[in-house]
Amino acid sequence: MNLKDVALLKWDDLQEDRFKFKRSKTRRTSKKPRIIEVFLDAYHVDIIDRYGTNKRSQYVFLSSTLLQHH
């Protein structure tokens, strides 16, 4: 998962033990973008808990203000 995909990760993408996303890099070049599913372990959950925004924000790690230029 590249940094842009991490920045664009939304709370709606997360489920209890996994999250799903479409790669930003191939989003416009593929006719049917592949959905990637990542299973979360305790390490991933700890990172989200430590560095994630509050759930009122749309994005997990960054504010929407920083993402306006993506």
PDB file of N, CA and C in Angstrom:
ATOM      1  N   MET A   1       0.862  -1.170   0.000  1.00  0.00           N
ATOM      2  CA  MET A   1       0.000   0.000   0.000  1.00  0.00           C
ATOM      3  C   MET A   1       0.902   1.224   0.000  1.00  0.00           C
ATOM      4  N   ASN A   2       0.711   2.095  -0.988  1.00  0.00           N
ATOM      5  CA  ASN A   2       1.569   3.276  -1.037  1.00  0.00           C
ATOM      6  C   ASN A   2       0.986   4.402  -0.177  1.00  0.00           C
ATOM      7  N   LEU A   3       1.773   5.442   0.002  1.00  0.00           N
ATOM      8  CA  LEU A   3       1.410   6.520   0.920  1.00  0.00           C
ATOM      9  C   LEU A   3       0.114   7.221   0.522  1.00  0.00           C
ATOM     10  N   LYS A   4      -0.105   7.416  -0.764  1.00  0.00           N
ATOM     11  CA  LYS A   4      -1.336   8.080  -1.201  1.00  0.00           C
ATOM     12  C   LYS A   4      -2.559   7.242  -0.829  1.00  0.00           C
ATOM     13  N   ASP A   5      -2.454   5.918  -0.970  1.00  0.00           N
ATOM     14  CA  ASP A   5      -3.566   5.050  -0.591  1.00  0.00           C
ATOM     15  C   ASP A   5      -3.836   5.123   0.913  1.00  0.00           C
ATOM     16  N   VAL A   6      -2.778   5.220   1.704  1.00  0.00           N
ATOM     17  CA  VAL A   6      -2.940   5.379   3.154  1.00  0.00           C
ATOM     18  C   VAL A   6      -3.642   6.701   3.447  1.00  0.00           C
ATOM     19  N   ALA A   7      -3.223   7.766   2.770  1.00  0.00           N
ATOM     20  CA  ALA A   7      -3.811   9.090   2.999  1.00  0.00           C
ATOM     21  C   ALA A   7      -5.282   9.133   2.604  1.00  0.00           C
ATOM     22  N   LEU A   8      -5.665   8.363   1.591  1.00  0.00           N
ATOM     23  CA  LEU A   8      -7.048   8.379   1.110  1.00  0.00           C
ATOM     24  C   LEU A   8      -7.945   7.356   1.804  1.00  0.00           C
ATOM     25  N   LEU A   9      -7.402   6.608   2.745  1.00  0.00           N
ATOM     26  CA  LEU A   9      -8.183   5.607   3.466  1.00  0.00           C
ATOM     27  C   LEU A   9      -9.268   6.289   4.298  1.00  0.00           C
ATOM     28  N   LYS A  10     -10.491   5.830   4.141  1.00  0.00           N
ATOM     29  CA  LYS A  10     -11.630   6.422   4.849  1.00  0.00           C
ATOM     30  C   LYS A  10     -12.131   5.463   5.923  1.00  0.00           C
ATOM     31  N   TRP A  11     -12.775   6.026   6.930  1.00  0.00           N
ATOM     32  CA  TRP A  11     -13.338   5.200   7.995  1.00  0.00           C
ATOM     33  C   TRP A  11     -14.351   4.208   7.434  1.00  0.00           C
ATOM     34  N   ASP A  12     -15.062   4.589   6.388  1.00  0.00           N
ATOM     35  CA  ASP A  12     -16.035   3.679   5.778  1.00  0.00           C
ATOM     36  C   ASP A  12     -15.367   2.465   5.141  1.00  0.00           C
ATOM     37  N   ASP A  13     -14.069   2.564   4.834  1.00  0.00           N
ATOM     38  CA  ASP A  13     -13.334   1.448   4.235  1.00  0.00           C
ATOM     39  C   ASP A  13     -12.972   0.386   5.271  1.00  0.00           C
ATOM     40  N   LEU A  14     -12.975   0.761   6.550  1.00  0.00           N
ATOM     41  CA  LEU A  14     -12.576  -0.166   7.602  1.00  0.00           C
ATOM     42  C   LEU A  14     -13.760  -0.964   8.116  1.00  0.00           C
ATOM     43  N   GLN A  15     -13.508  -2.245   8.326  1.00  0.00           N
ATOM     44  CA  GLN A  15     -14.455  -3.118   8.998  1.00  0.00           C
ATOM     45  C   GLN A  15     -13.774  -3.586  10.273  1.00  0.00           C
ATOM     46  N   GLU A  16     -14.364  -4.504  10.967  1.00  0.00           N
ATOM     47  CA  GLU A  16     -13.823  -4.916  12.262  1.00  0.00           C
ATOM     48  C   GLU A  16     -12.405  -5.481  12.160  1.00  0.00           C
ATOM     49  N   ASP A  17     -12.160  -6.358  11.206  1.00  0.00           N
ATOM     50  CA  ASP A  17     -10.868  -7.030  11.124  1.00  0.00           C
ATOM     51  C   ASP A  17     -10.173  -6.857   9.773  1.00  0.00           C
ATOM     52  N   ARG A  18     -10.637  -5.894   8.955  1.00  0.00           N
ATOM     53  CA  ARG A  18     -10.066  -5.712   7.620  1.00  0.00           C
ATOM     54  C   ARG A  18     -10.450  -4.357   7.046  1.00  0.00           C
ATOM     55  N   PHE A  19      -9.807  -4.001   5.965  1.00  0.00           N
ATOM     56  CA  PHE A  19     -10.246  -2.845   5.187  1.00  0.00           C
ATOM     57  C   PHE A  19     -10.053  -3.152   3.712  1.00  0.00           C
ATOM     58  N   LYS A  20     -10.806  -2.426   2.892  1.00  0.00           N
ATOM     59  CA  LYS A  20     -10.751  -2.606   1.445  1.00  0.00           C
ATOM     60  C   LYS A  20     -10.483  -1.254   0.797  1.00  0.00           C
ATOM     61  N   PHE A  21      -9.726  -1.287  -0.299  1.00  0.00           N
ATOM     62  CA  PHE A  21      -9.445  -0.050  -1.017  1.00  0.00           C
ATOM     63  C   PHE A  21      -9.121  -0.354  -2.471  1.00  0.00           C
ATOM     64  N   LYS A  22      -9.200   0.689  -3.300  1.00  0.00           N
ATOM     65  CA  LYS A  22      -8.768   0.619  -4.694  1.00  0.00           C
ATOM     66  C   LYS A  22      -7.505   1.457  -4.806  1.00  0.00           C
ATOM     67  N   ARG A  23      -6.482   0.918  -5.449  1.00  0.00           N
ATOM     68  CA  ARG A  23      -5.218   1.644  -5.576  1.00  0.00           C
ATOM     69  C   ARG A  23      -5.399   2.927  -6.366  1.00  0.00           C
ATOM     70  N   SER A  24      -4.895   4.011  -5.853  1.00  0.00           N
ATOM     71  CA  SER A  24      -4.963   5.302  -6.547  1.00  0.00           C
ATOM     72  C   SER A  24      -4.162   5.270  -7.841  1.00  0.00           C
ATOM     73  N   LYS A  25      -3.048   4.575  -7.812  1.00  0.00           N
ATOM     74  CA  LYS A  25      -2.147   4.528  -8.960  1.00  0.00           C
ATOM     75  C   LYS A  25      -2.817   3.923 -10.196  1.00  0.00           C
ATOM     76  N   THR A  26      -3.677   2.951 -10.007  1.00  0.00           N
ATOM     77  CA  THR A  26      -4.300   2.264 -11.146  1.00  0.00           C
ATOM     78  C   THR A  26      -5.779   2.601 -11.305  1.00  0.00           C
ATOM     79  N   ARG A  27      -6.287   3.502 -10.507  1.00  0.00           N
ATOM     80  CA  ARG A  27      -7.716   3.821 -10.531  1.00  0.00           C
ATOM     81  C   ARG A  27      -8.173   4.322 -11.902  1.00  0.00           C
ATOM     82  N   ARG A  28      -7.391   5.169 -12.537  1.00  0.00           N
ATOM     83  CA  ARG A  28      -7.787   5.739 -13.833  1.00  0.00           C
ATOM     84  C   ARG A  28      -7.334   4.904 -15.027  1.00  0.00           C
ATOM     85  N   THR A  29      -6.376   4.013 -14.842  1.00  0.00           N
ATOM     86  CA  THR A  29      -5.837   3.255 -15.968  1.00  0.00           C
ATOM     87  C   THR A  29      -6.506   1.907 -16.166  1.00  0.00           C
ATOM     88  N   SER A  30      -7.226   1.439 -15.188  1.00  0.00           N
ATOM     89  CA  SER A  30      -7.885   0.137 -15.291  1.00  0.00           C
ATOM     90  C   SER A  30      -9.362   0.325 -15.581  1.00  0.00           C
ATOM     91  N   LYS A  31      -9.885  -0.496 -16.479  1.00  0.00           N
ATOM     92  CA  LYS A  31     -11.317  -0.423 -16.768  1.00  0.00           C
ATOM     93  C   LYS A  31     -12.129  -0.867 -15.563  1.00  0.00           C
ATOM     94  N   LYS A  32     -11.629  -1.869 -14.881  1.00  0.00           N
ATOM     95  CA  LYS A  32     -12.299  -2.376 -13.689  1.00  0.00           C
ATOM     96  C   LYS A  32     -11.259  -2.466 -12.567  1.00  0.00           C
ATOM     97  N   PRO A  33     -11.114  -1.390 -11.781  1.00  0.00           N
ATOM     98  CA  PRO A  33     -10.101  -1.407 -10.714  1.00  0.00           C
ATOM     99  C   PRO A  33     -10.343  -2.542  -9.725  1.00  0.00           C
ATOM    100  N   ARG A  34      -9.269  -3.190  -9.354  1.00  0.00           N
ATOM    101  CA  ARG A  34      -9.348  -4.314  -8.429  1.00  0.00           C
ATOM    102  C   ARG A  34      -9.445  -3.800  -6.995  1.00  0.00           C
ATOM    103  N   ILE A  35     -10.328  -4.382  -6.236  1.00  0.00           N
ATOM    104  CA  ILE A  35     -10.461  -4.034  -4.820  1.00  0.00           C
ATOM    105  C   ILE A  35      -9.494  -4.910  -4.033  1.00  0.00           C
ATOM    106  N   ILE A  36      -8.664  -4.270  -3.232  1.00  0.00           N
ATOM    107  CA  ILE A  36      -7.674  -4.976  -2.425  1.00  0.00           C
ATOM    108  C   ILE A  36      -8.191  -5.052  -0.998  1.00  0.00           C
ATOM    109  N   GLU A  37      -8.118  -6.237  -0.423  1.00  0.00           N
ATOM    110  CA  GLU A  37      -8.587  -6.465   0.942  1.00  0.00           C
ATOM    111  C   GLU A  37      -7.386  -6.761   1.831  1.00  0.00           C
ATOM    112  N   VAL A  38      -7.279  -6.030   2.934  1.00  0.00           N
ATOM    113  CA  VAL A  38      -6.170  -6.184   3.869  1.00  0.00           C
ATOM    114  C   VAL A  38      -6.739  -6.558   5.230  1.00  0.00           C
ATOM    115  N   PHE A  39      -6.236  -7.657   5.779  1.00  0.00           N
ATOM    116  CA  PHE A  39      -6.681  -8.082   7.105  1.00  0.00           C
ATOM    117  C   PHE A  39      -5.840  -7.382   8.170  1.00  0.00           C
ATOM    118  N   LEU A  40      -6.501  -6.921   9.209  1.00  0.00           N
ATOM    119  CA  LEU A  40      -5.843  -6.176  10.280  1.00  0.00           C
ATOM    120  C   LEU A  40      -5.433  -7.109  11.410  1.00  0.00           C
ATOM    121  N   ASP A  41      -4.208  -6.939  11.885  1.00  0.00           N
ATOM    122  CA  ASP A  41      -3.788  -7.632  13.092  1.00  0.00           C
ATOM    123  C   ASP A  41      -3.617  -6.586  14.201  1.00  0.00           C
ATOM    124  N   ALA A  42      -3.149  -6.992  15.347  1.00  0.00           N
ATOM    125  CA  ALA A  42      -3.027  -6.079  16.490  1.00  0.00           C
ATOM    126  C   ALA A  42      -2.097  -4.902  16.177  1.00  0.00           C
ATOM    127  N   TYR A  43      -1.051  -5.138  15.408  1.00  0.00           N
ATOM    128  CA  TYR A  43      -0.107  -4.076  15.037  1.00  0.00           C
ATOM    129  C   TYR A  43      -0.807  -2.983  14.228  1.00  0.00           C
ATOM    130  N   HIS A  44      -1.584  -3.379  13.227  1.00  0.00           N
ATOM    131  CA  HIS A  44      -2.300  -2.409  12.395  1.00  0.00           C
ATOM    132  C   HIS A  44      -3.328  -1.626  13.213  1.00  0.00           C
ATOM    133  N   VAL A  45      -4.046  -2.316  14.061  1.00  0.00           N
ATOM    134  CA  VAL A  45      -5.063  -1.664  14.893  1.00  0.00           C
ATOM    135  C   VAL A  45      -4.406  -0.644  15.820  1.00  0.00           C
ATOM    136  N   ASP A  46      -3.242  -0.979  16.358  1.00  0.00           N
ATOM    137  CA  ASP A  46      -2.520  -0.052  17.231  1.00  0.00           C
ATOM    138  C   ASP A  46      -2.118   1.218  16.472  1.00  0.00           C
ATOM    139  N   ILE A  47      -1.650   1.077  15.248  1.00  0.00           N
ATOM    140  CA  ILE A  47      -1.281   2.243  14.435  1.00  0.00           C
ATOM    141  C   ILE A  47      -2.499   3.124  14.174  1.00  0.00           C
ATOM    142  N   ILE A  48      -3.618   2.508  13.824  1.00  0.00           N
ATOM    143  CA  ILE A  48      -4.845   3.271  13.573  1.00  0.00           C
ATOM    144  C   ILE A  48      -5.295   3.988  14.843  1.00  0.00           C
ATOM    145  N   ASP A  49      -5.226   3.299  15.975  1.00  0.00           N
ATOM    146  CA  ASP A  49      -5.621   3.916  17.245  1.00  0.00           C
ATOM    147  C   ASP A  49      -4.708   5.087  17.617  1.00  0.00           C
ATOM    148  N   ARG A  50      -3.417   4.942  17.392  1.00  0.00           N
ATOM    149  CA  ARG A  50      -2.460   5.984  17.768  1.00  0.00           C
ATOM    150  C   ARG A  50      -2.497   7.198  16.848  1.00  0.00           C
ATOM    151  N   TYR A  51      -2.535   6.946  15.548  1.00  0.00           N
ATOM    152  CA  TYR A  51      -2.333   8.025  14.583  1.00  0.00           C
ATOM    153  C   TYR A  51      -3.573   8.405  13.786  1.00  0.00           C
ATOM    154  N   GLY A  52      -4.631   7.648  13.931  1.00  0.00           N
ATOM    155  CA  GLY A  52      -5.848   7.951  13.184  1.00  0.00           C
ATOM    156  C   GLY A  52      -6.563   9.175  13.726  1.00  0.00           C
ATOM    157  N   THR A  53      -7.318   9.823  12.848  1.00  0.00           N
ATOM    158  CA  THR A  53      -8.128  10.961  13.261  1.00  0.00           C
ATOM    159  C   THR A  53      -9.350  10.438  14.004  1.00  0.00           C
ATOM    160  N   ASN A  54     -10.133  11.343  14.544  1.00  0.00           N
ATOM    161  CA  ASN A  54     -11.360  10.884  15.182  1.00  0.00           C
ATOM    162  C   ASN A  54     -12.345  10.446  14.100  1.00  0.00           C
ATOM    163  N   LYS A  55     -13.300   9.647  14.461  1.00  0.00           N
ATOM    164  CA  LYS A  55     -14.204   9.060  13.471  1.00  0.00           C
ATOM    165  C   LYS A  55     -15.175  10.061  12.865  1.00  0.00           C
ATOM    166  N   ARG A  56     -15.205  11.272  13.371  1.00  0.00           N
ATOM    167  CA  ARG A  56     -16.048  12.295  12.748  1.00  0.00           C
ATOM    168  C   ARG A  56     -15.418  12.798  11.457  1.00  0.00           C
ATOM    169  N   SER A  57     -14.118  12.594  11.324  1.00  0.00           N
ATOM    170  CA  SER A  57     -13.426  12.951  10.091  1.00  0.00           C
ATOM    171  C   SER A  57     -13.692  11.861   9.058  1.00  0.00           C
ATOM    172  N   GLN A  58     -13.728  12.224   7.806  1.00  0.00           N
ATOM    173  CA  GLN A  58     -13.965  11.245   6.744  1.00  0.00           C
ATOM    174  C   GLN A  58     -12.752  10.333   6.561  1.00  0.00           C
ATOM    175  N   TYR A  59     -11.558  10.890   6.696  1.00  0.00           N
ATOM    176  CA  TYR A  59     -10.328  10.146   6.439  1.00  0.00           C
ATOM    177  C   TYR A  59      -9.713   9.649   7.738  1.00  0.00           C
ATOM    178  N   VAL A  60      -9.074   8.488   7.678  1.00  0.00           N
ATOM    179  CA  VAL A  60      -8.504   7.858   8.868  1.00  0.00           C
ATOM    180  C   VAL A  60      -7.281   8.621   9.370  1.00  0.00           C
ATOM    181  N   PHE A  61      -6.384   9.025   8.480  1.00  0.00           N
ATOM    182  CA  PHE A  61      -5.114   9.591   8.926  1.00  0.00           C
ATOM    183  C   PHE A  61      -4.921  11.079   8.668  1.00  0.00           C
ATOM    184  N   LEU A  62      -5.569  11.653   7.684  1.00  0.00           N
ATOM    185  CA  LEU A  62      -5.344  13.057   7.369  1.00  0.00           C
ATOM    186  C   LEU A  62      -6.655  13.809   7.299  1.00  0.00           C
ATOM    187  N   SER A  63      -6.566  15.106   7.475  1.00  0.00           N
ATOM    188  CA  SER A  63      -7.772  15.918   7.353  1.00  0.00           C
ATOM    189  C   SER A  63      -8.106  16.132   5.882  1.00  0.00           C
ATOM    190  N   SER A  64      -9.349  16.388   5.593  1.00  0.00           N
ATOM    191  CA  SER A  64      -9.775  16.609   4.210  1.00  0.00           C
ATOM    192  C   SER A  64      -9.129  17.858   3.620  1.00  0.00           C
ATOM    193  N   THR A  65      -8.724  18.798   4.455  1.00  0.00           N
ATOM    194  CA  THR A  65      -8.052  20.004   3.970  1.00  0.00           C
ATOM    195  C   THR A  65      -6.746  19.652   3.265  1.00  0.00           C
ATOM    196  N   LEU A  66      -5.990  18.736   3.826  1.00  0.00           N
ATOM    197  CA  LEU A  66      -4.724  18.329   3.221  1.00  0.00           C
ATOM    198  C   LEU A  66      -4.931  17.519   1.955  1.00  0.00           C
ATOM    199  N   LEU A  67      -6.075  16.900   1.812  1.00  0.00           N
ATOM    200  CA  LEU A  67      -6.326  16.022   0.672  1.00  0.00           C
ATOM    201  C   LEU A  67      -6.995  16.717  -0.505  1.00  0.00           C
ATOM    202  N   GLN A  68      -7.270  17.987  -0.402  1.00  0.00           N
ATOM    203  CA  GLN A  68      -7.967  18.690  -1.474  1.00  0.00           C
ATOM    204  C   GLN A  68      -7.178  18.700  -2.774  1.00  0.00           C
ATOM    205  N   HIS A  69      -5.895  18.487  -2.716  1.00  0.00           N
ATOM    206  CA  HIS A  69      -5.052  18.557  -3.911  1.00  0.00           C
ATOM    207  C   HIS A  69      -4.711  17.190  -4.471  1.00  0.00           C
ATOM    208  N   HIS A  70      -5.366  16.139  -4.030  1.00  0.00           N
ATOM    209  CA  HIS A  70      -5.050  14.803  -4.544  1.00  0.00           C
ATOM    210  C   HIS A  70      -5.667  14.680  -5.885  1.00  0.00           C
TER     211      HIS A  70
END
